[in-house]
Amino acid sequence: MGNMQTLPGEAQARRRLLPAAAILVLALAASSLTPDGTSWALFGAAAGSSAVLLGLARFVPWQRLVASAALVLPVGCDAVIGLLRQAQGGSTSGYAPLAVLPVVWVGLTLRRRDVAAITACTAALFSVPIVLIGPPLYPSGSWRGVVLWTVVAAVVGTGANRVIAAYRRQADLAAARAGELDALVATQTAIATSRFDLDAVLATVVDEAQQLTGADAAVVELPDGDDLVYRAVCGTASSHLDLRVARQGSLSGLSLDPRSVILCGDSETDPRVDREACRLVGARSMVVVPLLHDGEAAGVLKVSSHEPDAFEERHAQLLAALGALIAAALVRADLIHRLADQAVTDELTGLVNRRGWYSRLGEALTRAARFEQPVSVVLLDLDGFKAVNDRRGHAAGDRLLRTVSAAWSGVLRANDVLGRVGGDEFAVLLEGADSEAAEEVVARLEAALPAGQQASAGIATWNGSEDASVLLSRADTRMYGRKRTRRLAPR
């Protein structure tokens, strides 16, 4: 129980109670310095009023009231000071300096108009007794003191209010900067720990950039010749994936040439922008950041809003701080992507290698089982390839493999997968093709061979349940059967 947090209402009460108690206790205690001649009836009234004020300070739910309601307490303190001043001899009591304390309290905690109100109360504290009671306790010559104390109250209250306002602005600015720093670190962490896939990194970049700046949209544009292509989009730009924008004459292209961050307040009046493209994607204002790695442009990050002047210099600074990290992440993802491609690509022919082709076969059989579609495979072996290597050298053999690969790639469908699975062995994955369609494919492949070159082919169509290795074994058996038949055939 001892570790319970203070409730907001209790905190509000303490904020009111402590200064009120300090002023009132000081005012009451001052009466003990010159007790002779004190009107104890007025002193009792002041003490009773003080108790009421302290009760209000403690138990009123200030958090539910408007801020100016808190004026009740300092005004009440002024009233208590007025009673004590009257109880101890009026203008000669020496209580005048205490009247400044409620003004300081209001200046430190409330608004400027509240300072004006408490200053008016201070003026009333000194002027009303002169008018209503008069000499000898409050001689007419005291008006000069009324003016002086009113001016002092106004100066002190306004000064305290300005000081605390400046402090609060600085505190708010520091809190905002801390929040931005936290958001920046979170964004950097999200990008740095995203999956090593280029598309995944790009998606993380645009999502985080949009959240960091509060933009309507975020885009990553990557260079492609003379154009910049929208490779990742989010927000209101989501429907513009793969949009091409001419590098020349666009704000994104301009940011890459001097390699600087550009802030555009209104695309309708900024002569640097491609206005037609901006209207198409709804980019009225934007921040464009070049993504540079080792001095080279890896792309452009752009956030935009459909409202003019939606971004400030701090947004540009935030994105600029991210620029190098984003570029490095893109380069890293692209490198890993290329390494992954190399892991499943035959270096000589550029075709899918054995590992990649077998992976594609497994995926194809899974889809075929789900959608009940036919799948056929063709294994091919170049006849007489060893003789080519032996008589004309390995360079000639490599040229033949590249020539055959290019010729066969040209006669296959876009979704057919041609792979090099051995030295002179190739495989074709035909999704949606039965045995008859596979025979037609083999005829096209044989017709595409260079003059004088032959290849032995073996076809197998999946029976709907067999393992991939069994399917390939059947195709392999037929391929070598065809090769033996050709060797035994009379020439």
Protein backbone atom coordinates (compact mmCIF):
# COMPACT_ATOMS: atom_id res chain seq x y z
CA MET A 1 0.00 0.00 0.00
CA GLY A 2 2.90 2.31 0.72
CA ASN A 3 3.91 2.25 -2.96
CA MET A 4 0.58 3.52 -4.30
CA GLN A 5 0.97 6.28 -6.87
CA THR A 6 -0.45 9.72 -6.07
CA LEU A 7 -3.80 10.24 -7.79
CA PRO A 8 -4.13 13.20 -10.22
CA GLY A 9 -6.75 14.79 -7.95
CA GLU A 10 -4.43 14.61 -4.94
CA ALA A 11 -1.60 16.13 -6.93
CA GLN A 12 -3.88 18.99 -8.03
CA ALA A 13 -4.98 19.54 -4.41
CA ARG A 14 -1.38 19.64 -3.19
CA ARG A 15 -0.47 22.18 -5.88
CA ARG A 16 -3.20 24.48 -4.52
CA LEU A 17 -2.83 23.68 -0.84
CA LEU A 18 0.89 24.28 -0.35
CA PRO A 19 1.18 27.86 -1.65
CA ALA A 20 -2.12 28.85 -0.01
CA ALA A 21 -0.95 27.41 3.31
CA ALA A 22 2.42 29.15 3.02
CA ILE A 23 0.90 32.59 2.38
CA LEU A 24 -1.79 32.26 5.05
CA VAL A 25 0.51 30.88 7.75
CA LEU A 26 3.02 33.65 7.04
CA ALA A 27 0.30 36.31 7.21
CA LEU A 28 -1.15 34.97 10.50
CA ALA A 29 2.29 34.48 12.03
CA ALA A 30 3.23 38.08 11.22
CA SER A 31 0.53 39.25 13.64
CA SER A 32 2.53 37.83 16.56
CA LEU A 33 5.35 40.31 15.88
CA THR A 34 3.25 43.29 17.11
CA PRO A 35 0.33 41.88 19.10
CA ASP A 36 -0.40 45.16 20.92
CA GLY A 37 -3.48 46.87 19.57
CA THR A 38 -4.53 43.89 17.49
CA SER A 39 -8.26 43.49 16.87
CA TRP A 40 -8.62 39.87 17.85
CA ALA A 41 -12.11 39.70 16.41
CA LEU A 42 -10.75 40.55 12.97
CA PHE A 43 -7.81 38.21 13.58
CA GLY A 44 -10.31 35.42 14.35
CA ALA A 45 -12.21 36.22 11.18
CA ALA A 46 -8.95 36.03 9.23
CA ALA A 47 -8.05 32.71 10.87
CA GLY A 48 -11.50 31.29 10.13
CA SER A 49 -11.30 32.46 6.52
CA SER A 50 -7.87 30.84 6.26
CA ALA A 51 -9.28 27.51 7.43
CA VAL A 52 -12.06 27.72 4.84
CA LEU A 53 -9.56 28.50 2.08
CA LEU A 54 -7.31 25.61 3.07
CA GLY A 55 -10.32 23.29 3.08
CA LEU A 56 -11.24 24.47 -0.42
CA ALA A 57 -7.66 23.98 -1.57
CA ARG A 58 -7.63 20.42 -0.25
CA PHE A 59 -11.05 19.10 -1.14
CA VAL A 60 -12.34 20.94 -4.22
CA PRO A 61 -11.84 18.82 -7.40
CA TRP A 62 -9.80 21.47 -9.19
CA GLN A 63 -8.99 19.12 -12.11
CA ARG A 64 -12.67 19.19 -13.09
CA LEU A 65 -12.92 22.99 -13.09
CA VAL A 66 -11.68 25.60 -15.53
CA ALA A 67 -8.18 26.85 -14.78
CA SER A 68 -9.37 30.35 -13.77
CA ALA A 69 -11.44 28.86 -10.94
CA ALA A 70 -8.18 28.56 -9.03
CA LEU A 71 -8.21 32.38 -8.69
CA VAL A 72 -10.56 31.86 -5.73
CA LEU A 73 -7.62 30.89 -3.52
CA PRO A 74 -5.18 33.81 -4.17
CA VAL A 75 -8.09 36.27 -4.09
CA GLY A 76 -9.09 34.72 -0.75
CA CYS A 77 -5.51 35.17 0.46
CA ASP A 78 -5.77 38.84 -0.48
CA ALA A 79 -8.95 39.07 1.59
CA VAL A 80 -7.24 37.48 4.61
CA ILE A 81 -4.31 39.88 4.23
CA GLY A 82 -6.82 42.75 4.11
CA LEU A 83 -8.49 41.59 7.34
CA LEU A 84 -5.13 41.24 9.12
CA ARG A 85 -4.02 44.61 7.80
CA GLN A 86 -7.15 46.18 9.30
CA ALA A 87 -6.70 44.20 12.56
CA GLN A 88 -3.17 45.58 13.03
CA GLY A 89 -3.59 49.24 12.35
CA GLY A 90 -4.41 49.70 8.67
CA SER A 91 -1.85 51.34 6.40
CA THR A 92 0.80 51.31 9.13
CA SER A 93 0.56 47.55 9.76
CA GLY A 94 3.38 46.60 7.40
CA TYR A 95 1.26 43.98 5.60
CA ALA A 96 1.59 45.62 2.19
CA PRO A 97 4.54 43.46 0.97
CA LEU A 98 2.56 40.26 1.65
CA ALA A 99 0.02 41.33 -0.98
CA VAL A 100 2.64 40.60 -3.65
CA LEU A 101 2.76 36.87 -2.80
CA PRO A 102 -0.66 35.94 -4.27
CA VAL A 103 0.34 37.85 -7.42
CA VAL A 104 3.55 35.80 -7.71
CA TRP A 105 1.54 32.61 -7.16
CA VAL A 106 -0.88 33.47 -9.98
CA GLY A 107 1.97 34.56 -12.25
CA LEU A 108 3.70 31.20 -11.82
CA THR A 109 0.63 28.97 -12.23
CA LEU A 110 -2.10 30.68 -14.26
CA ARG A 111 -2.52 32.72 -17.43
CA ARG A 112 -1.79 36.35 -18.23
CA ARG A 113 -5.43 37.43 -17.90
CA ASP A 114 -5.48 35.83 -14.43
CA VAL A 115 -2.44 37.95 -13.56
CA ALA A 116 -4.45 41.02 -14.59
CA ALA A 117 -7.32 39.88 -12.37
CA ILE A 118 -5.16 39.36 -9.28
CA THR A 119 -3.43 42.70 -9.92
CA ALA A 120 -6.86 44.33 -9.90
CA CYS A 121 -7.59 42.56 -6.58
CA THR A 122 -4.32 43.92 -5.19
CA ALA A 123 -5.31 47.42 -6.25
CA ALA A 124 -8.68 46.89 -4.53
CA LEU A 125 -6.94 45.62 -1.39
CA PHE A 126 -5.17 48.99 -1.02
CA SER A 127 -7.79 51.37 -2.45
CA VAL A 128 -11.10 50.10 -1.02
CA PRO A 129 -10.14 50.78 2.65
CA ILE A 130 -9.18 54.36 1.73
CA VAL A 131 -12.61 54.90 0.18
CA LEU A 132 -14.76 53.02 2.72
CA ILE A 133 -12.84 53.53 6.00
CA GLY A 134 -10.56 56.49 5.39
CA PRO A 135 -8.45 58.34 7.99
CA PRO A 136 -6.86 57.85 10.38
CA LEU A 137 -6.21 54.17 9.52
CA TYR A 138 -6.10 54.92 5.79
CA PRO A 139 -5.20 58.56 5.14
CA SER A 140 -5.83 60.07 1.71
CA GLY A 141 -2.10 60.31 1.15
CA SER A 142 -2.02 56.54 0.81
CA TRP A 143 -3.16 56.76 -2.84
CA ARG A 144 0.43 57.03 -3.95
CA GLY A 145 1.09 53.71 -2.22
CA VAL A 146 -1.94 52.19 -4.00
CA VAL A 147 -0.48 53.15 -7.37
CA LEU A 148 3.02 51.94 -6.47
CA TRP A 149 1.89 48.59 -5.09
CA THR A 150 -0.43 48.04 -8.05
CA VAL A 151 2.45 48.72 -10.46
CA VAL A 152 4.74 46.43 -8.46
CA ALA A 153 2.10 43.69 -8.51
CA ALA A 154 1.60 44.05 -12.25
CA VAL A 155 5.35 43.97 -12.95
CA VAL A 156 6.06 41.05 -10.63
CA GLY A 157 3.05 39.02 -11.81
CA THR A 158 3.68 39.62 -15.51
CA GLY A 159 7.39 38.92 -15.12
CA ALA A 160 6.77 35.67 -13.27
CA ASN A 161 4.21 34.67 -15.87
CA ARG A 162 6.59 35.30 -18.75
CA VAL A 163 9.42 33.46 -17.07
CA ILE A 164 7.28 30.41 -16.39
CA ALA A 165 5.80 30.56 -19.91
CA ALA A 166 9.29 30.59 -21.40
CA TYR A 167 10.27 27.70 -19.16
CA ARG A 168 7.20 25.73 -20.23
CA ARG A 169 7.94 26.39 -23.89
CA GLN A 170 11.45 25.11 -23.40
CA ALA A 171 10.15 22.09 -21.51
CA ASP A 172 7.60 21.36 -24.24
CA LEU A 173 10.29 21.76 -26.89
CA ALA A 174 12.61 19.44 -24.98
CA ALA A 175 9.80 16.89 -24.59
CA ALA A 176 9.01 17.14 -28.30
CA ARG A 177 12.68 16.68 -29.19
CA ALA A 178 12.92 13.71 -26.85
CA GLY A 179 9.81 12.23 -28.45
CA GLU A 180 11.26 12.76 -31.91
CA LEU A 181 14.54 11.19 -30.81
CA ASP A 182 12.68 8.17 -29.43
CA ALA A 183 10.71 7.89 -32.65
CA LEU A 184 13.90 8.24 -34.70
CA VAL A 185 15.63 5.49 -32.73
CA ALA A 186 12.57 3.26 -33.05
CA THR A 187 12.48 3.89 -36.80
CA GLN A 188 16.18 3.17 -37.17
CA THR A 189 15.74 -0.04 -35.18
CA ALA A 190 12.78 -1.14 -37.29
CA ILE A 191 14.71 -0.56 -40.52
CA ALA A 192 17.93 -2.12 -39.26
CA THR A 193 16.14 -5.25 -38.02
CA SER A 194 13.78 -5.71 -40.98
CA ARG A 195 14.02 -8.88 -43.03
CA PHE A 196 16.96 -9.07 -45.44
CA ASP A 197 14.57 -8.90 -48.36
CA LEU A 198 14.61 -5.79 -50.54
CA ASP A 199 10.84 -5.50 -50.73
CA ALA A 200 10.53 -6.01 -46.96
CA VAL A 201 13.12 -3.29 -46.27
CA LEU A 202 11.39 -0.90 -48.67
CA ALA A 203 7.99 -1.56 -47.08
CA THR A 204 9.44 -0.92 -43.61
CA VAL A 205 11.08 2.31 -44.76
CA VAL A 206 7.91 3.87 -46.16
CA ASP A 207 5.75 2.77 -43.22
CA GLU A 208 8.17 4.13 -40.65
CA ALA A 209 8.76 7.39 -42.56
CA GLN A 210 5.01 8.02 -42.78
CA GLN A 211 4.53 7.43 -39.05
CA LEU A 212 7.59 9.48 -38.10
CA THR A 213 6.40 12.59 -39.97
CA GLY A 214 2.62 12.17 -39.84
CA ALA A 215 2.52 12.30 -43.65
CA ASP A 216 -0.38 11.21 -45.83
CA ALA A 217 1.95 9.14 -48.01
CA ALA A 218 5.52 7.92 -48.28
CA VAL A 219 7.37 6.67 -51.34
CA VAL A 220 10.77 5.20 -52.14
CA GLU A 221 11.86 5.95 -55.70
CA LEU A 222 14.74 4.00 -57.23
CA PRO A 223 16.69 5.13 -60.31
CA ASP A 224 16.02 3.30 -63.58
CA GLY A 225 17.79 4.94 -66.49
CA ASP A 226 16.46 8.46 -66.93
CA ASP A 227 13.47 7.75 -64.69
CA LEU A 228 12.71 7.26 -61.03
CA VAL A 229 10.33 4.39 -60.27
CA TYR A 230 7.99 4.13 -57.27
CA ARG A 231 9.31 0.86 -55.79
CA ALA A 232 7.58 1.13 -52.40
CA VAL A 233 4.47 3.10 -51.46
CA CYS A 234 2.12 3.54 -48.51
CA GLY A 235 -0.72 5.76 -47.45
CA THR A 236 -2.52 7.68 -50.18
CA ALA A 237 0.22 6.74 -52.66
CA SER A 238 -0.54 3.01 -52.33
CA SER A 239 -2.20 2.81 -55.75
CA HIS A 240 0.81 4.25 -57.56
CA LEU A 241 3.32 1.42 -57.21
CA ASP A 242 5.70 1.26 -60.23
CA LEU A 243 4.79 4.80 -61.31
CA ARG A 244 7.61 6.21 -63.44
CA VAL A 245 8.63 9.86 -63.10
CA ALA A 246 11.21 11.54 -65.30
CA ARG A 247 14.29 12.32 -63.26
CA GLN A 248 14.80 15.56 -65.16
CA GLY A 249 12.34 18.21 -64.05
CA SER A 250 11.18 16.47 -60.87
CA LEU A 251 11.89 17.41 -57.27
CA SER A 252 13.19 13.89 -56.61
CA GLY A 253 15.66 14.15 -59.47
CA LEU A 254 16.71 17.58 -58.26
CA SER A 255 17.47 16.21 -54.79
CA LEU A 256 19.83 13.64 -56.33
CA ASP A 257 21.82 16.07 -58.42
CA PRO A 258 23.07 18.34 -55.64
CA ARG A 259 22.30 15.48 -53.22
CA SER A 260 20.40 17.58 -50.73
CA VAL A 261 17.21 17.38 -48.73
CA ILE A 262 14.42 19.47 -50.28
CA LEU A 263 11.37 20.84 -48.47
CA CYS A 264 8.45 21.86 -50.70
CA GLY A 265 5.69 23.89 -49.08
CA ASP A 266 3.27 23.99 -52.01
CA SER A 267 3.66 22.06 -55.26
CA GLU A 268 1.17 24.38 -56.95
CA THR A 269 3.56 27.32 -56.68
CA ASP A 270 6.97 25.64 -56.55
CA PRO A 271 8.59 25.81 -60.01
CA ARG A 272 10.96 22.92 -59.24
CA VAL A 273 8.31 20.19 -59.15
CA ASP A 274 6.70 17.98 -61.78
CA ARG A 275 3.26 19.47 -61.14
CA GLU A 276 1.37 16.88 -63.17
CA ALA A 277 2.92 14.01 -61.18
CA CYS A 278 2.27 15.81 -57.90
CA ARG A 279 -1.40 16.27 -58.77
CA LEU A 280 -1.66 12.62 -59.79
CA VAL A 281 -0.46 11.36 -56.41
CA GLY A 282 -1.99 14.17 -54.35
CA ALA A 283 1.33 15.62 -53.15
CA ARG A 284 0.66 19.27 -52.27
CA SER A 285 3.61 19.56 -49.88
CA MET A 286 6.52 17.16 -49.42
CA VAL A 287 9.97 16.41 -48.11
CA VAL A 288 12.42 14.69 -50.47
CA VAL A 289 15.54 13.00 -49.11
CA PRO A 290 18.30 11.50 -51.29
CA LEU A 291 19.42 8.07 -50.12
CA LEU A 292 23.19 8.02 -50.51
CA HIS A 293 25.64 5.21 -49.86
CA ASP A 294 29.37 5.82 -50.29
CA GLY A 295 28.54 8.94 -52.25
CA GLU A 296 26.33 7.06 -54.71
CA ALA A 297 22.59 7.56 -55.05
CA ALA A 298 20.68 4.48 -53.94
CA GLY A 299 17.28 6.14 -54.30
CA VAL A 300 14.96 8.81 -52.96
CA LEU A 301 12.64 8.82 -49.96
CA LYS A 302 9.67 11.16 -50.26
CA VAL A 303 6.87 11.92 -47.80
CA SER A 304 3.92 14.02 -48.89
CA SER A 305 0.66 15.56 -47.75
CA HIS A 306 -2.42 16.75 -49.61
CA GLU A 307 -2.25 19.93 -47.50
CA PRO A 308 0.18 22.79 -48.26
CA ASP A 309 2.92 23.57 -45.72
CA ALA A 310 2.31 20.32 -43.82
CA PHE A 311 5.99 19.84 -43.02
CA GLU A 312 8.58 21.82 -41.10
CA GLU A 313 12.35 21.92 -41.12
CA ARG A 314 12.40 19.44 -38.23
CA HIS A 315 10.72 16.82 -40.45
CA ALA A 316 13.42 17.32 -43.05
CA GLN A 317 16.09 16.96 -40.37
CA LEU A 318 14.52 13.75 -39.06
CA LEU A 319 14.41 12.15 -42.51
CA ALA A 320 17.89 13.39 -43.34
CA ALA A 321 19.17 11.67 -40.21
CA LEU A 322 17.63 8.45 -41.51
CA GLY A 323 18.89 8.82 -45.07
CA ALA A 324 22.28 7.11 -44.71
CA LEU A 325 20.82 4.25 -42.67
CA ILE A 326 18.04 3.67 -45.21
CA ALA A 327 20.51 3.71 -48.10
CA ALA A 328 22.75 1.22 -46.33
CA ALA A 329 19.73 -1.00 -45.64
CA LEU A 330 18.72 -0.87 -49.31
CA VAL A 331 22.24 -1.71 -50.46
CA ARG A 332 22.42 -4.53 -47.93
CA ALA A 333 19.06 -5.94 -48.99
CA ASP A 334 19.93 -5.67 -52.67
CA LEU A 335 23.27 -7.39 -52.09
CA ILE A 336 21.63 -10.21 -50.17
CA HIS A 337 18.98 -10.44 -52.87
CA ARG A 338 21.69 -10.81 -55.51
CA LEU A 339 23.55 -13.36 -53.41
CA ALA A 340 20.32 -15.31 -53.04
CA ASP A 341 19.85 -15.17 -56.81
CA GLN A 342 23.38 -16.42 -57.31
CA ALA A 343 22.71 -19.30 -54.94
CA VAL A 344 19.98 -20.58 -57.28
CA THR A 345 21.36 -19.38 -60.62
CA ASP A 346 23.74 -21.16 -62.95
CA GLU A 347 26.66 -18.82 -63.54
CA LEU A 348 27.39 -20.00 -67.09
CA THR A 349 23.90 -19.94 -68.61
CA GLY A 350 21.96 -17.68 -66.27
CA LEU A 351 19.33 -20.38 -65.85
CA VAL A 352 18.02 -21.71 -62.56
CA ASN A 353 20.55 -24.19 -61.16
CA ARG A 354 19.84 -27.66 -59.78
CA ARG A 355 19.04 -26.40 -56.28
CA GLY A 356 16.73 -23.66 -57.53
CA TRP A 357 14.95 -25.92 -60.03
CA TYR A 358 14.27 -28.63 -57.44
CA SER A 359 12.87 -25.97 -55.11
CA ARG A 360 10.55 -24.72 -57.86
CA LEU A 361 9.42 -28.30 -58.53
CA GLY A 362 8.43 -28.79 -54.88
CA GLU A 363 6.42 -25.56 -54.92
CA ALA A 364 4.74 -26.54 -58.19
CA LEU A 365 3.66 -29.95 -56.88
CA THR A 366 2.17 -28.29 -53.78
CA ARG A 367 0.13 -25.95 -55.97
CA ALA A 368 -0.90 -28.78 -58.30
CA ALA A 369 -2.19 -30.82 -55.35
CA ARG A 370 -4.18 -27.84 -54.04
CA PHE A 371 -5.75 -26.87 -57.38
CA GLU A 372 -5.79 -30.35 -58.98
CA GLN A 373 -3.79 -29.27 -62.03
CA PRO A 374 -1.37 -31.36 -64.12
CA VAL A 375 2.39 -30.97 -63.88
CA SER A 376 4.95 -32.42 -66.26
CA VAL A 377 8.73 -32.45 -66.18
CA VAL A 378 11.18 -32.89 -69.02
CA LEU A 379 14.80 -33.97 -68.53
CA LEU A 380 17.16 -33.32 -71.44
CA ASP A 381 20.73 -34.39 -72.12
CA LEU A 382 22.79 -32.97 -75.00
CA ASP A 383 24.00 -35.78 -77.28
CA GLY A 384 27.71 -35.83 -78.08
CA PHE A 385 28.59 -33.03 -75.67
CA LYS A 386 31.67 -34.84 -74.36
CA ALA A 387 33.00 -35.12 -77.90
CA VAL A 388 32.62 -31.36 -78.38
CA ASN A 389 34.70 -30.74 -75.24
CA ASP A 390 37.30 -33.30 -76.26
CA ARG A 391 37.74 -32.16 -79.89
CA ARG A 392 37.13 -28.41 -79.66
CA GLY A 393 37.87 -27.60 -76.02
CA HIS A 394 35.85 -26.54 -73.01
CA ALA A 395 35.36 -23.00 -74.32
CA ALA A 396 33.48 -24.42 -77.29
CA GLY A 397 31.44 -26.60 -74.94
CA ASP A 398 30.54 -23.56 -72.83
CA ARG A 399 29.48 -21.65 -75.95
CA LEU A 400 27.24 -24.56 -76.96
CA LEU A 401 25.60 -24.64 -73.53
CA ARG A 402 24.89 -20.91 -73.65
CA THR A 403 23.56 -21.15 -77.21
CA VAL A 404 21.23 -24.03 -76.36
CA SER A 405 20.06 -22.31 -73.16
CA ALA A 406 19.18 -19.13 -75.03
CA ALA A 407 17.44 -21.04 -77.83
CA TRP A 408 15.31 -23.13 -75.46
CA SER A 409 14.42 -20.12 -73.26
CA GLY A 410 13.07 -18.43 -76.38
CA VAL A 411 10.52 -21.19 -77.18
CA LEU A 412 9.15 -21.80 -73.66
CA ARG A 413 6.20 -20.13 -71.98
CA ALA A 414 6.80 -17.37 -69.45
CA ASN A 415 5.84 -19.60 -66.54
CA ASP A 416 7.88 -22.62 -67.67
CA VAL A 417 11.07 -23.12 -65.66
CA LEU A 418 14.18 -24.15 -67.58
CA GLY A 419 17.13 -25.12 -65.43
CA ARG A 420 20.63 -26.51 -65.87
CA VAL A 421 20.81 -29.44 -63.44
CA GLY A 422 24.13 -30.96 -64.51
CA GLY A 423 27.06 -30.51 -66.90
CA ASP A 424 25.05 -31.00 -70.10
CA GLU A 425 21.75 -31.90 -68.46
CA PHE A 426 18.73 -29.63 -68.41
CA ALA A 427 15.27 -29.85 -66.88
CA VAL A 428 11.99 -28.13 -67.76
CA LEU A 429 9.13 -27.69 -65.28
CA LEU A 430 5.77 -27.42 -67.05
CA GLU A 431 2.92 -26.38 -64.73
CA GLY A 432 -0.56 -27.01 -66.10
CA ALA A 433 0.80 -29.28 -68.86
CA ASP A 434 -0.25 -32.90 -69.33
CA SER A 435 1.80 -35.48 -71.25
CA GLU A 436 0.44 -34.40 -74.61
CA ALA A 437 1.31 -30.75 -74.00
CA ALA A 438 4.73 -31.84 -72.77
CA GLU A 439 5.34 -33.72 -76.05
CA GLU A 440 4.60 -30.52 -77.95
CA VAL A 441 7.09 -28.62 -75.78
CA VAL A 442 9.79 -31.24 -76.44
CA ALA A 443 9.16 -30.93 -80.19
CA ARG A 444 9.73 -27.16 -79.96
CA LEU A 445 12.88 -27.65 -77.91
CA GLU A 446 14.34 -30.10 -80.43
CA ALA A 447 13.48 -27.80 -83.30
CA ALA A 448 15.27 -24.90 -81.59
CA LEU A 449 18.60 -26.76 -81.32
CA PRO A 450 21.53 -25.55 -83.42
CA ALA A 451 21.99 -27.37 -86.72
CA GLY A 452 23.51 -30.84 -86.24
CA GLN A 453 22.92 -30.89 -82.51
CA GLN A 454 20.54 -33.36 -80.82
CA ALA A 455 19.24 -33.86 -77.29
CA SER A 456 17.63 -36.85 -75.61
CA ALA A 457 14.45 -36.01 -73.71
CA GLY A 458 12.46 -37.88 -71.08
CA ILE A 459 8.94 -36.82 -70.09
CA ALA A 460 7.05 -37.66 -66.92
CA THR A 461 3.63 -36.33 -65.87
CA TRP A 462 2.80 -36.27 -62.17
CA ASN A 463 0.23 -38.84 -61.10
CA GLY A 464 -1.11 -36.63 -58.30
CA SER A 465 0.47 -38.43 -55.36
CA GLU A 466 4.02 -39.55 -56.11
CA ASP A 467 7.07 -37.94 -54.54
CA ALA A 468 9.14 -35.52 -56.61
CA SER A 469 12.07 -37.94 -56.62
CA VAL A 470 9.89 -40.70 -58.10
CA LEU A 471 8.58 -38.33 -60.77
CA LEU A 472 12.12 -37.33 -61.74
CA SER A 473 13.26 -40.95 -61.70
CA ARG A 474 10.62 -41.80 -64.30
CA ALA A 475 11.67 -38.91 -66.50
CA ASP A 476 15.33 -39.84 -66.09
CA THR A 477 14.68 -43.46 -67.06
CA ARG A 478 12.88 -42.37 -70.23
CA MET A 479 15.61 -39.88 -71.10
CA TYR A 480 18.36 -42.49 -70.90
CA GLY A 481 16.16 -44.98 -72.71
CA ARG A 482 15.87 -42.49 -75.54
CA LYS A 483 19.63 -41.91 -75.52
CA ARG A 484 20.35 -45.69 -75.70
CA THR A 485 17.92 -46.07 -78.57
CA ARG A 486 19.72 -43.36 -80.50
CA ARG A 487 23.12 -44.90 -79.86
CA LEU A 488 21.91 -48.28 -81.13
CA ALA A 489 20.11 -46.86 -84.14
CA PRO A 490 21.94 -47.49 -87.48
CA ARG A 491 23.50 -44.39 -88.97
